[in-house]
Amino acid sequence: MATPAHWLAGARPRTLPAAVVPVAVGTGAAFAEDGANWWRALLALFVALALQVGVNYANDYSDGIKGTDKDRVGPLRLVGSGVAAPKQVLAAALGCFLAAAVAGLVLVVATQAWWLLLVGLASILAAWFYTGGSRPYGYRALGEISVFVFFGIVAVAGTTYVQVDRLTWLSLAAAVPVGLLACALLMVNNLRDIVTDGPSGKRTLAVVLGDSRTRLAYSATLVLPFVFALALVPVRPFAALTVLALPLVVSPIRTVRSGATGPALIATLQQTGRLQLVFGALFTLGLALF
C-alpha cells in the first residue's frame, strides 16, 4: 500500500519548478503593465501545480500499465514499482485535473474571457495524451514541443492575461526562456532514460536525436534562456539580473557533456530544477522593476 511518502515521490517534486516559474514570470510581466493581481496569480499557480502533478501521475499510470516503467532508472514510479494500484494512480491524476479545471473556471469567470475554457481543455488533454491513449505524442518525440507551448507560452502569457485582461508582447517574449528551461528539465529526464525508453518503444526526442546530440541540445536549452532574457534589457534593464544565475549552468552542462548516464543524471535533474527556480526569480524581479 502506497504511503504519503510514496505519493509525494510519485508527484515528482523535482519537476515542480516547471509549474512555479512560468506563473512567477507571468506575474512579473503583469507588474510591468501595472496590473498585478495577487489572488489571480495565486490561483494561476494552483492551476499550474495541479496540472503538473496531474501529468506526473497520468504519466506514471500510462507508462506503468504499458510496461515502459518496468526497468526505469529514475525516481519511484507508483504503478511500475507495484507500490500503488493503477486505478488509484489514475484517480489521483483525474483528481488533480479536476482541481485545476475548477480553479481555472474561477479565473475564467473573473476575467469573462470564455475562450480560456478552450485553453484549459487543451492543457488537460495535452497532459493526458502525453503518454495516455493508444498513440501518445510523448512516444513520438513531441514532448518538448508540448512543454514549450504549455509550460512556456501558455503558462506565462496566460498568467499575465488573467491579471491584466490582455495579451502583452512582453509576456510572450518572456515565455521563450521559460519554455526552454522547462524543455531542459524534460530533456535531461529523457536522456537519463534513453537506454530503456528506446527498447520499450518510447521514442522520446532523446531517443530520436541520439545520445550525443541530446547532450548538445540540453546544453543549448540551458544557455539560450540567458540570451533571450538579455535581449529584453533595452526595454526592461533589470532583466540583466538573470546573469547572476549563470554559475548554476556550469555543473549540469559539465556533467552531461562528460557522458554521465543513468543514476548519475538524477542530480543533474535536480540542478536543472534549481537553475529554473533561480533564473525564474531573477527574471521575475527584472521584469517587475524598471
C-alpha atoms as a PDB file:
ATOM      1  CA  MET A   1       0.000   0.000   0.000  1.00  0.00           C
ATOM      2  CA  ALA A   2       1.336   3.409  -1.001  1.00  0.00           C
ATOM      3  CA  THR A   3       2.296   5.691   1.876  1.00  0.00           C
ATOM      4  CA  PRO A   4       2.108   9.520   1.813  1.00  0.00           C
ATOM      5  CA  ALA A   5       5.859   9.500   1.143  1.00  0.00           C
ATOM      6  CA  HIS A   6       5.280   7.288  -1.903  1.00  0.00           C
ATOM      7  CA  TRP A   7       2.585   9.615  -3.240  1.00  0.00           C
ATOM      8  CA  LEU A   8       4.869  12.599  -2.722  1.00  0.00           C
ATOM      9  CA  ALA A   9       7.671  10.863  -4.610  1.00  0.00           C
ATOM     10  CA  GLY A  10       5.209   9.913  -7.358  1.00  0.00           C
ATOM     11  CA  ALA A  11       4.252  13.568  -7.730  1.00  0.00           C
ATOM     12  CA  ARG A  12       7.895  14.161  -8.740  1.00  0.00           C
ATOM     13  CA  PRO A  13       8.585  17.328  -6.748  1.00  0.00           C
ATOM     14  CA  ARG A  14      11.794  17.988  -8.683  1.00  0.00           C
ATOM     15  CA  THR A  15       9.669  18.789 -11.752  1.00  0.00           C
ATOM     16  CA  LEU A  16       7.519  21.378  -9.955  1.00  0.00           C
ATOM     17  CA  PRO A  17       9.753  24.351 -10.855  1.00  0.00           C
ATOM     18  CA  ALA A  18       8.326  23.921 -14.362  1.00  0.00           C
ATOM     19  CA  ALA A  19       4.946  24.955 -12.919  1.00  0.00           C
ATOM     20  CA  VAL A  20       6.107  27.627 -10.467  1.00  0.00           C
ATOM     21  CA  VAL A  21       8.485  29.582 -12.706  1.00  0.00           C
ATOM     22  CA  PRO A  22       6.104  30.465 -15.580  1.00  0.00           C
ATOM     23  CA  VAL A  23       3.491  31.798 -13.149  1.00  0.00           C
ATOM     24  CA  ALA A  24       6.127  33.881 -11.361  1.00  0.00           C
ATOM     25  CA  VAL A  25       7.493  35.279 -14.624  1.00  0.00           C
ATOM     26  CA  GLY A  26       3.986  35.945 -15.944  1.00  0.00           C
ATOM     27  CA  THR A  27       3.260  37.857 -12.737  1.00  0.00           C
ATOM     28  CA  GLY A  28       6.476  39.833 -13.222  1.00  0.00           C
ATOM     29  CA  ALA A  29       5.258  40.766 -16.706  1.00  0.00           C
ATOM     30  CA  ALA A  30       1.929  41.807 -15.171  1.00  0.00           C
ATOM     31  CA  PHE A  31       3.834  44.079 -12.763  1.00  0.00           C
ATOM     32  CA  ALA A  32       5.482  45.664 -15.786  1.00  0.00           C
ATOM     33  CA  GLU A  33       1.990  46.539 -17.008  1.00  0.00           C
ATOM     34  CA  ASP A  34       0.997  47.875 -13.546  1.00  0.00           C
ATOM     35  CA  GLY A  35      -1.691  45.227 -13.368  1.00  0.00           C
ATOM     36  CA  ALA A  36      -0.512  42.502 -10.976  1.00  0.00           C
ATOM     37  CA  ASN A  37      -3.331  40.845  -9.063  1.00  0.00           C
ATOM     38  CA  TRP A  38      -2.212  38.603  -6.214  1.00  0.00           C
ATOM     39  CA  TRP A  39      -5.256  36.376  -5.792  1.00  0.00           C
ATOM     40  CA  ARG A  40      -5.408  35.708  -9.531  1.00  0.00           C
ATOM     41  CA  ALA A  41      -1.677  34.969  -9.561  1.00  0.00           C
ATOM     42  CA  LEU A  42      -2.052  32.503  -6.688  1.00  0.00           C
ATOM     43  CA  LEU A  43      -4.982  30.823  -8.398  1.00  0.00           C
ATOM     44  CA  ALA A  44      -2.947  30.548 -11.606  1.00  0.00           C
ATOM     45  CA  LEU A  45      -0.161  28.974  -9.562  1.00  0.00           C
ATOM     46  CA  PHE A  46      -2.587  26.420  -8.138  1.00  0.00           C
ATOM     47  CA  VAL A  47      -3.764  25.565 -11.666  1.00  0.00           C
ATOM     48  CA  ALA A  48      -0.188  25.120 -12.887  1.00  0.00           C
ATOM     49  CA  LEU A  49       0.838  22.945  -9.933  1.00  0.00           C
ATOM     50  CA  ALA A  50      -2.292  20.801 -10.167  1.00  0.00           C
ATOM     51  CA  LEU A  51      -1.677  20.233 -13.871  1.00  0.00           C
ATOM     52  CA  GLN A  52       1.996  19.396 -13.281  1.00  0.00           C
ATOM     53  CA  VAL A  53       1.259  16.867 -10.554  1.00  0.00           C
ATOM     54  CA  GLY A  54      -1.654  15.546 -12.602  1.00  0.00           C
ATOM     55  CA  VAL A  55       0.500  14.946 -15.668  1.00  0.00           C
ATOM     56  CA  ASN A  56       3.116  13.240 -13.477  1.00  0.00           C
ATOM     57  CA  TYR A  57       0.535  10.836 -12.065  1.00  0.00           C
ATOM     58  CA  ALA A  58      -1.027  10.335 -15.510  1.00  0.00           C
ATOM     59  CA  ASN A  59       2.412   9.572 -16.935  1.00  0.00           C
ATOM     60  CA  ASP A  60       3.053   7.146 -14.084  1.00  0.00           C
ATOM     61  CA  TYR A  61      -0.260   5.401 -14.757  1.00  0.00           C
ATOM     62  CA  SER A  62       0.051   5.205 -18.565  1.00  0.00           C
ATOM     63  CA  ASP A  63       3.698   4.133 -18.611  1.00  0.00           C
ATOM     64  CA  GLY A  64       3.027   1.692 -15.789  1.00  0.00           C
ATOM     65  CA  ILE A  65       0.230  -0.198 -17.497  1.00  0.00           C
ATOM     66  CA  LYS A  66       2.211  -0.268 -20.763  1.00  0.00           C
ATOM     67  CA  GLY A  67       5.266  -1.672 -19.023  1.00  0.00           C
ATOM     68  CA  THR A  68       7.660   1.108 -20.056  1.00  0.00           C
ATOM     69  CA  ASP A  69       8.479   1.900 -16.400  1.00  0.00           C
ATOM     70  CA  LYS A  70       9.437  -1.690 -15.549  1.00  0.00           C
ATOM     71  CA  ASP A  71      13.226  -1.129 -15.635  1.00  0.00           C
ATOM     72  CA  ARG A  72      13.271   2.627 -15.082  1.00  0.00           C
ATOM     73  CA  VAL A  73      16.414   4.164 -13.582  1.00  0.00           C
ATOM     74  CA  GLY A  74      14.942   7.335 -12.090  1.00  0.00           C
ATOM     75  CA  PRO A  75      12.790   8.126  -9.052  1.00  0.00           C
ATOM     76  CA  LEU A  76       9.947   5.923  -7.813  1.00  0.00           C
ATOM     77  CA  ARG A  77       7.086   5.140 -10.163  1.00  0.00           C
ATOM     78  CA  LEU A  78       3.961   4.129  -8.301  1.00  0.00           C
ATOM     79  CA  VAL A  79       2.478   1.715 -10.845  1.00  0.00           C
ATOM     80  CA  GLY A  80       5.735   0.415 -12.317  1.00  0.00           C
ATOM     81  CA  SER A  81       7.078  -0.470  -8.872  1.00  0.00           C
ATOM     82  CA  GLY A  82       3.805  -2.052  -7.761  1.00  0.00           C
ATOM     83  CA  VAL A  83       3.508   0.306  -4.793  1.00  0.00           C
ATOM     84  CA  ALA A  84       0.069   1.564  -5.866  1.00  0.00           C
ATOM     85  CA  ALA A  85      -2.692   0.052  -7.967  1.00  0.00           C
ATOM     86  CA  PRO A  86      -3.148   1.584 -11.440  1.00  0.00           C
ATOM     87  CA  LYS A  87      -6.717   2.659 -10.646  1.00  0.00           C
ATOM     88  CA  GLN A  88      -5.505   4.586  -7.591  1.00  0.00           C
ATOM     89  CA  VAL A  89      -2.912   6.487  -9.594  1.00  0.00           C
ATOM     90  CA  LEU A  90      -5.447   7.154 -12.337  1.00  0.00           C
ATOM     91  CA  ALA A  91      -7.858   8.534  -9.738  1.00  0.00           C
ATOM     92  CA  ALA A  92      -5.104  10.797  -8.370  1.00  0.00           C
ATOM     93  CA  ALA A  93      -4.357  12.124 -11.859  1.00  0.00           C
ATOM     94  CA  LEU A  94      -8.013  12.785 -12.641  1.00  0.00           C
ATOM     95  CA  GLY A  95      -8.458  14.441  -9.238  1.00  0.00           C
ATOM     96  CA  CYS A  96      -5.600  16.835  -9.996  1.00  0.00           C
ATOM     97  CA  PHE A  97      -7.051  17.650 -13.417  1.00  0.00           C
ATOM     98  CA  LEU A  98     -10.448  18.300 -11.848  1.00  0.00           C
ATOM     99  CA  ALA A  99      -8.929  20.614  -9.243  1.00  0.00           C
ATOM    100  CA  ALA A 100      -7.079  22.509 -11.981  1.00  0.00           C
ATOM    101  CA  ALA A 101     -10.290  22.789 -14.004  1.00  0.00           C
ATOM    102  CA  VAL A 102     -12.296  24.193 -11.075  1.00  0.00           C
ATOM    103  CA  ALA A 103      -9.622  26.776 -10.217  1.00  0.00           C
ATOM    104  CA  GLY A 104      -9.280  27.659 -13.889  1.00  0.00           C
ATOM    105  CA  LEU A 105     -13.028  28.143 -14.162  1.00  0.00           C
ATOM    106  CA  VAL A 106     -12.871  30.714 -11.361  1.00  0.00           C
ATOM    107  CA  LEU A 107     -10.306  32.658 -13.370  1.00  0.00           C
ATOM    108  CA  VAL A 108     -12.451  32.415 -16.493  1.00  0.00           C
ATOM    109  CA  VAL A 109     -15.444  33.824 -14.641  1.00  0.00           C
ATOM    110  CA  ALA A 110     -13.305  36.592 -13.125  1.00  0.00           C
ATOM    111  CA  THR A 111     -11.904  37.665 -16.490  1.00  0.00           C
ATOM    112  CA  GLN A 112     -15.034  36.896 -18.536  1.00  0.00           C
ATOM    113  CA  ALA A 113     -12.643  35.503 -21.152  1.00  0.00           C
ATOM    114  CA  TRP A 114     -14.614  32.402 -22.028  1.00  0.00           C
ATOM    115  CA  TRP A 115     -12.164  31.365 -24.725  1.00  0.00           C
ATOM    116  CA  LEU A 116      -9.825  30.428 -21.867  1.00  0.00           C
ATOM    117  CA  LEU A 117     -12.037  27.357 -21.374  1.00  0.00           C
ATOM    118  CA  LEU A 118     -10.605  26.009 -24.634  1.00  0.00           C
ATOM    119  CA  VAL A 119      -7.071  26.750 -23.452  1.00  0.00           C
ATOM    120  CA  GLY A 120      -7.756  24.898 -20.210  1.00  0.00           C
ATOM    121  CA  LEU A 121      -9.263  21.934 -22.045  1.00  0.00           C
ATOM    122  CA  ALA A 122      -6.275  21.813 -24.392  1.00  0.00           C
ATOM    123  CA  SER A 123      -3.915  21.857 -21.406  1.00  0.00           C
ATOM    124  CA  ILE A 124      -5.656  18.910 -19.750  1.00  0.00           C
ATOM    125  CA  LEU A 125      -5.815  16.929 -22.989  1.00  0.00           C
ATOM    126  CA  ALA A 126      -2.121  17.614 -23.612  1.00  0.00           C
ATOM    127  CA  ALA A 127      -1.339  16.430 -20.086  1.00  0.00           C
ATOM    128  CA  TRP A 128      -3.271  13.182 -20.558  1.00  0.00           C
ATOM    129  CA  PHE A 129      -2.197  12.281 -24.092  1.00  0.00           C
ATOM    130  CA  TYR A 130       1.489  12.866 -23.388  1.00  0.00           C
ATOM    131  CA  THR A 131       1.694   9.181 -22.507  1.00  0.00           C
ATOM    132  CA  GLY A 132      -2.000   8.251 -22.419  1.00  0.00           C
ATOM    133  CA  GLY A 133      -4.190   6.797 -25.150  1.00  0.00           C
ATOM    134  CA  SER A 134      -3.230   4.457 -27.972  1.00  0.00           C
ATOM    135  CA  ARG A 135      -0.979   6.989 -29.737  1.00  0.00           C
ATOM    136  CA  PRO A 136       0.719   9.110 -27.042  1.00  0.00           C
ATOM    137  CA  TYR A 137       2.610  12.023 -28.535  1.00  0.00           C
ATOM    138  CA  GLY A 138       5.293  11.750 -25.850  1.00  0.00           C
ATOM    139  CA  TYR A 139       6.307   8.497 -27.559  1.00  0.00           C
ATOM    140  CA  ARG A 140       6.733  10.380 -30.843  1.00  0.00           C
ATOM    141  CA  ALA A 141       9.354  12.970 -29.882  1.00  0.00           C
ATOM    142  CA  LEU A 142       6.786  15.741 -29.353  1.00  0.00           C
ATOM    143  CA  GLY A 143       7.097  16.086 -25.581  1.00  0.00           C
ATOM    144  CA  GLU A 144       9.476  19.048 -25.645  1.00  0.00           C
ATOM    145  CA  ILE A 145       7.257  20.931 -28.098  1.00  0.00           C
ATOM    146  CA  SER A 146       4.261  20.459 -25.816  1.00  0.00           C
ATOM    147  CA  VAL A 147       6.255  21.522 -22.747  1.00  0.00           C
ATOM    148  CA  PHE A 148       7.491  24.659 -24.529  1.00  0.00           C
ATOM    149  CA  VAL A 149       3.947  25.572 -25.549  1.00  0.00           C
ATOM    150  CA  PHE A 150       2.099  24.805 -22.308  1.00  0.00           C
ATOM    151  CA  PHE A 151       4.760  25.459 -19.652  1.00  0.00           C
ATOM    152  CA  GLY A 152       6.197  28.346 -21.615  1.00  0.00           C
ATOM    153  CA  ILE A 153       3.877  30.345 -23.829  1.00  0.00           C
ATOM    154  CA  VAL A 154       0.505  29.333 -22.379  1.00  0.00           C
ATOM    155  CA  ALA A 155       1.533  29.449 -18.715  1.00  0.00           C
ATOM    156  CA  VAL A 156       3.474  32.737 -18.845  1.00  0.00           C
ATOM    157  CA  ALA A 157       1.221  34.662 -21.217  1.00  0.00           C
ATOM    158  CA  GLY A 158      -1.883  33.157 -19.608  1.00  0.00           C
ATOM    159  CA  THR A 159      -0.790  34.205 -16.136  1.00  0.00           C
ATOM    160  CA  THR A 160      -0.248  37.762 -17.341  1.00  0.00           C
ATOM    161  CA  TYR A 161      -3.553  37.753 -19.197  1.00  0.00           C
ATOM    162  CA  VAL A 162      -5.697  36.764 -16.227  1.00  0.00           C
ATOM    163  CA  GLN A 163      -4.166  39.661 -14.281  1.00  0.00           C
ATOM    164  CA  VAL A 164      -4.137  42.486 -16.848  1.00  0.00           C
ATOM    165  CA  ASP A 165      -7.009  41.234 -19.082  1.00  0.00           C
ATOM    166  CA  ARG A 166      -4.974  41.318 -22.287  1.00  0.00           C
ATOM    167  CA  LEU A 167      -2.142  39.566 -24.049  1.00  0.00           C
ATOM    168  CA  THR A 168       1.120  41.510 -23.926  1.00  0.00           C
ATOM    169  CA  TRP A 169       4.193  41.286 -26.131  1.00  0.00           C
ATOM    170  CA  LEU A 170       6.391  41.249 -23.010  1.00  0.00           C
ATOM    171  CA  SER A 171       4.737  38.134 -21.600  1.00  0.00           C
ATOM    172  CA  LEU A 172       5.073  36.349 -24.945  1.00  0.00           C
ATOM    173  CA  ALA A 173       8.757  37.291 -25.190  1.00  0.00           C
ATOM    174  CA  ALA A 174       9.380  36.276 -21.577  1.00  0.00           C
ATOM    175  CA  ALA A 175       7.747  32.906 -22.247  1.00  0.00           C
ATOM    176  CA  VAL A 176      10.567  31.839 -24.586  1.00  0.00           C
ATOM    177  CA  PRO A 177      13.370  31.441 -21.996  1.00  0.00           C
ATOM    178  CA  VAL A 178      10.911  29.934 -19.527  1.00  0.00           C
ATOM    179  CA  GLY A 179       9.775  27.378 -22.084  1.00  0.00           C
ATOM    180  CA  LEU A 180      13.360  26.475 -22.959  1.00  0.00           C
ATOM    181  CA  LEU A 181      14.224  25.765 -19.329  1.00  0.00           C
ATOM    182  CA  ALA A 182      11.121  23.599 -18.999  1.00  0.00           C
ATOM    183  CA  CYS A 183      12.326  21.682 -22.057  1.00  0.00           C
ATOM    184  CA  ALA A 184      15.726  21.253 -20.397  1.00  0.00           C
ATOM    185  CA  LEU A 185      14.075  19.563 -17.431  1.00  0.00           C
ATOM    186  CA  LEU A 186      12.283  17.072 -19.676  1.00  0.00           C
ATOM    187  CA  MET A 187      15.318  16.574 -21.894  1.00  0.00           C
ATOM    188  CA  VAL A 188      17.693  15.585 -19.107  1.00  0.00           C
ATOM    189  CA  ASN A 189      14.997  13.288 -17.713  1.00  0.00           C
ATOM    190  CA  ASN A 190      14.667  11.584 -21.098  1.00  0.00           C
ATOM    191  CA  LEU A 191      18.452  11.467 -21.546  1.00  0.00           C
ATOM    192  CA  ARG A 192      18.649   9.526 -18.288  1.00  0.00           C
ATOM    193  CA  ASP A 193      16.066   7.033 -19.566  1.00  0.00           C
ATOM    194  CA  ILE A 194      17.305   6.809 -23.158  1.00  0.00           C
ATOM    195  CA  VAL A 195      18.638   3.265 -22.743  1.00  0.00           C
ATOM    196  CA  THR A 196      15.317   1.853 -21.517  1.00  0.00           C
ATOM    197  CA  ASP A 197      12.920   4.090 -23.487  1.00  0.00           C
ATOM    198  CA  GLY A 198      14.133   3.014 -26.932  1.00  0.00           C
ATOM    199  CA  PRO A 199      13.709  -0.754 -26.476  1.00  0.00           C
ATOM    200  CA  SER A 200      10.290  -0.246 -24.844  1.00  0.00           C
ATOM    201  CA  GLY A 201       9.016   1.678 -27.870  1.00  0.00           C
ATOM    202  CA  LYS A 202       9.020   5.085 -26.212  1.00  0.00           C
ATOM    203  CA  ARG A 203      10.590   7.285 -28.891  1.00  0.00           C
ATOM    204  CA  THR A 204      11.287  10.470 -26.972  1.00  0.00           C
ATOM    205  CA  LEU A 205      13.210  13.315 -28.580  1.00  0.00           C
ATOM    206  CA  ALA A 206      16.319  11.978 -26.830  1.00  0.00           C
ATOM    207  CA  VAL A 207      15.841   8.581 -28.479  1.00  0.00           C
ATOM    208  CA  VAL A 208      15.327  10.194 -31.888  1.00  0.00           C
ATOM    209  CA  LEU A 209      18.272  12.588 -31.617  1.00  0.00           C
ATOM    210  CA  GLY A 210      20.608  10.042 -30.086  1.00  0.00           C
ATOM    211  CA  ASP A 211      22.862  10.396 -27.077  1.00  0.00           C
ATOM    212  CA  SER A 212      25.445  12.939 -28.283  1.00  0.00           C
ATOM    213  CA  ARG A 213      23.012  15.318 -29.993  1.00  0.00           C
ATOM    214  CA  THR A 214      20.681  15.216 -26.994  1.00  0.00           C
ATOM    215  CA  ARG A 215      23.552  16.352 -24.805  1.00  0.00           C
ATOM    216  CA  LEU A 216      24.219  19.271 -27.146  1.00  0.00           C
ATOM    217  CA  ALA A 217      20.524  20.166 -27.265  1.00  0.00           C
ATOM    218  CA  TYR A 218      20.288  20.072 -23.476  1.00  0.00           C
ATOM    219  CA  SER A 219      23.264  22.411 -23.148  1.00  0.00           C
ATOM    220  CA  ALA A 220      21.617  24.803 -25.606  1.00  0.00           C
ATOM    221  CA  THR A 221      18.375  24.868 -23.607  1.00  0.00           C
ATOM    222  CA  LEU A 222      20.363  25.994 -20.557  1.00  0.00           C
ATOM    223  CA  VAL A 223      22.328  28.741 -22.328  1.00  0.00           C
ATOM    224  CA  LEU A 224      19.772  30.224 -24.740  1.00  0.00           C
ATOM    225  CA  PRO A 225      17.384  31.447 -21.982  1.00  0.00           C
ATOM    226  CA  PHE A 226      20.063  33.925 -20.912  1.00  0.00           C
ATOM    227  CA  VAL A 227      20.392  35.174 -24.475  1.00  0.00           C
ATOM    228  CA  PHE A 228      16.646  35.784 -24.754  1.00  0.00           C
ATOM    229  CA  ALA A 229      16.477  37.409 -21.322  1.00  0.00           C
ATOM    230  CA  LEU A 230      19.333  39.781 -22.145  1.00  0.00           C
ATOM    231  CA  ALA A 231      17.599  40.691 -25.412  1.00  0.00           C
ATOM    232  CA  LEU A 232      14.923  42.353 -23.260  1.00  0.00           C
ATOM    233  CA  VAL A 233      17.436  44.618 -21.479  1.00  0.00           C
ATOM    234  CA  PRO A 234      16.750  47.615 -23.770  1.00  0.00           C
ATOM    235  CA  VAL A 235      13.132  47.698 -22.541  1.00  0.00           C
ATOM    236  CA  ARG A 236      13.479  46.029 -19.124  1.00  0.00           C
ATOM    237  CA  PRO A 237      17.041  46.847 -17.963  1.00  0.00           C
ATOM    238  CA  PHE A 238      16.849  44.729 -14.818  1.00  0.00           C
ATOM    239  CA  ALA A 239      16.368  41.590 -16.932  1.00  0.00           C
ATOM    240  CA  ALA A 240      20.178  41.606 -16.826  1.00  0.00           C
ATOM    241  CA  LEU A 241      19.858  40.244 -13.279  1.00  0.00           C
ATOM    242  CA  THR A 242      19.459  36.806 -14.834  1.00  0.00           C
ATOM    243  CA  VAL A 243      23.231  36.642 -15.456  1.00  0.00           C
ATOM    244  CA  LEU A 244      23.585  36.025 -11.712  1.00  0.00           C
ATOM    245  CA  ALA A 245      22.191  32.548 -12.367  1.00  0.00           C
ATOM    246  CA  LEU A 246      24.871  31.708 -14.969  1.00  0.00           C
ATOM    247  CA  PRO A 247      27.162  29.883 -12.489  1.00  0.00           C
ATOM    248  CA  LEU A 248      24.367  27.334 -11.979  1.00  0.00           C
ATOM    249  CA  VAL A 249      24.697  26.319 -15.630  1.00  0.00           C
ATOM    250  CA  VAL A 250      28.251  25.073 -15.278  1.00  0.00           C
ATOM    251  CA  SER A 251      27.785  21.890 -13.240  1.00  0.00           C
ATOM    252  CA  PRO A 252      24.821  20.362 -15.138  1.00  0.00           C
ATOM    253  CA  ILE A 253      26.409  21.077 -18.520  1.00  0.00           C
ATOM    254  CA  ARG A 254      29.741  19.671 -17.363  1.00  0.00           C
ATOM    255  CA  THR A 255      28.061  16.506 -16.091  1.00  0.00           C
ATOM    256  CA  VAL A 256      26.013  15.987 -19.240  1.00  0.00           C
ATOM    257  CA  ARG A 257      28.921  16.766 -21.578  1.00  0.00           C
ATOM    258  CA  SER A 258      31.125  14.332 -19.638  1.00  0.00           C
ATOM    259  CA  GLY A 259      28.891  11.473 -20.779  1.00  0.00           C
ATOM    260  CA  ALA A 260      27.182  10.748 -17.470  1.00  0.00           C
ATOM    261  CA  THR A 261      24.353   8.225 -17.734  1.00  0.00           C
ATOM    262  CA  GLY A 262      21.582   6.651 -15.675  1.00  0.00           C
ATOM    263  CA  PRO A 263      21.579   7.414 -11.944  1.00  0.00           C
ATOM    264  CA  ALA A 264      24.410   9.944 -12.399  1.00  0.00           C
ATOM    265  CA  LEU A 265      21.910  12.231 -14.144  1.00  0.00           C
ATOM    266  CA  ILE A 266      19.435  12.282 -11.258  1.00  0.00           C
ATOM    267  CA  ALA A 267      21.467  15.009  -9.545  1.00  0.00           C
ATOM    268  CA  THR A 268      21.574  16.890 -12.854  1.00  0.00           C
ATOM    269  CA  LEU A 269      17.781  16.865 -12.946  1.00  0.00           C
ATOM    270  CA  GLN A 270      17.765  18.462  -9.513  1.00  0.00           C
ATOM    271  CA  GLN A 271      20.364  21.024 -10.592  1.00  0.00           C
ATOM    272  CA  THR A 272      18.273  21.890 -13.638  1.00  0.00           C
ATOM    273  CA  GLY A 273      15.264  22.489 -11.421  1.00  0.00           C
ATOM    274  CA  ARG A 274      17.358  24.714  -9.147  1.00  0.00           C
ATOM    275  CA  LEU A 275      18.540  26.714 -12.158  1.00  0.00           C
ATOM    276  CA  GLN A 276      14.928  27.122 -13.261  1.00  0.00           C
ATOM    277  CA  LEU A 277      13.925  28.497  -9.871  1.00  0.00           C
ATOM    278  CA  VAL A 278      16.832  30.917  -9.526  1.00  0.00           C
ATOM    279  CA  PHE A 279      16.603  32.118 -13.123  1.00  0.00           C
ATOM    280  CA  GLY A 280      12.833  32.474 -12.749  1.00  0.00           C
ATOM    281  CA  ALA A 281      13.133  34.504  -9.540  1.00  0.00           C
ATOM    282  CA  LEU A 282      15.728  36.847 -11.058  1.00  0.00           C
ATOM    283  CA  PHE A 283      13.792  37.166 -14.318  1.00  0.00           C
ATOM    284  CA  THR A 284      10.573  37.896 -12.445  1.00  0.00           C
ATOM    285  CA  LEU A 285      12.301  40.620 -10.451  1.00  0.00           C
ATOM    286  CA  GLY A 286      13.927  42.003 -13.591  1.00  0.00           C
ATOM    287  CA  LEU A 287      10.586  42.278 -15.380  1.00  0.00           C
ATOM    288  CA  ALA A 288       8.808  43.828 -12.393  1.00  0.00           C
ATOM    289  CA  LEU A 289      11.442  46.501 -11.788  1.00  0.00           C
ATOM    290  CA  PHE A 290      12.148  49.382 -14.144  1.00  0.00           C
END
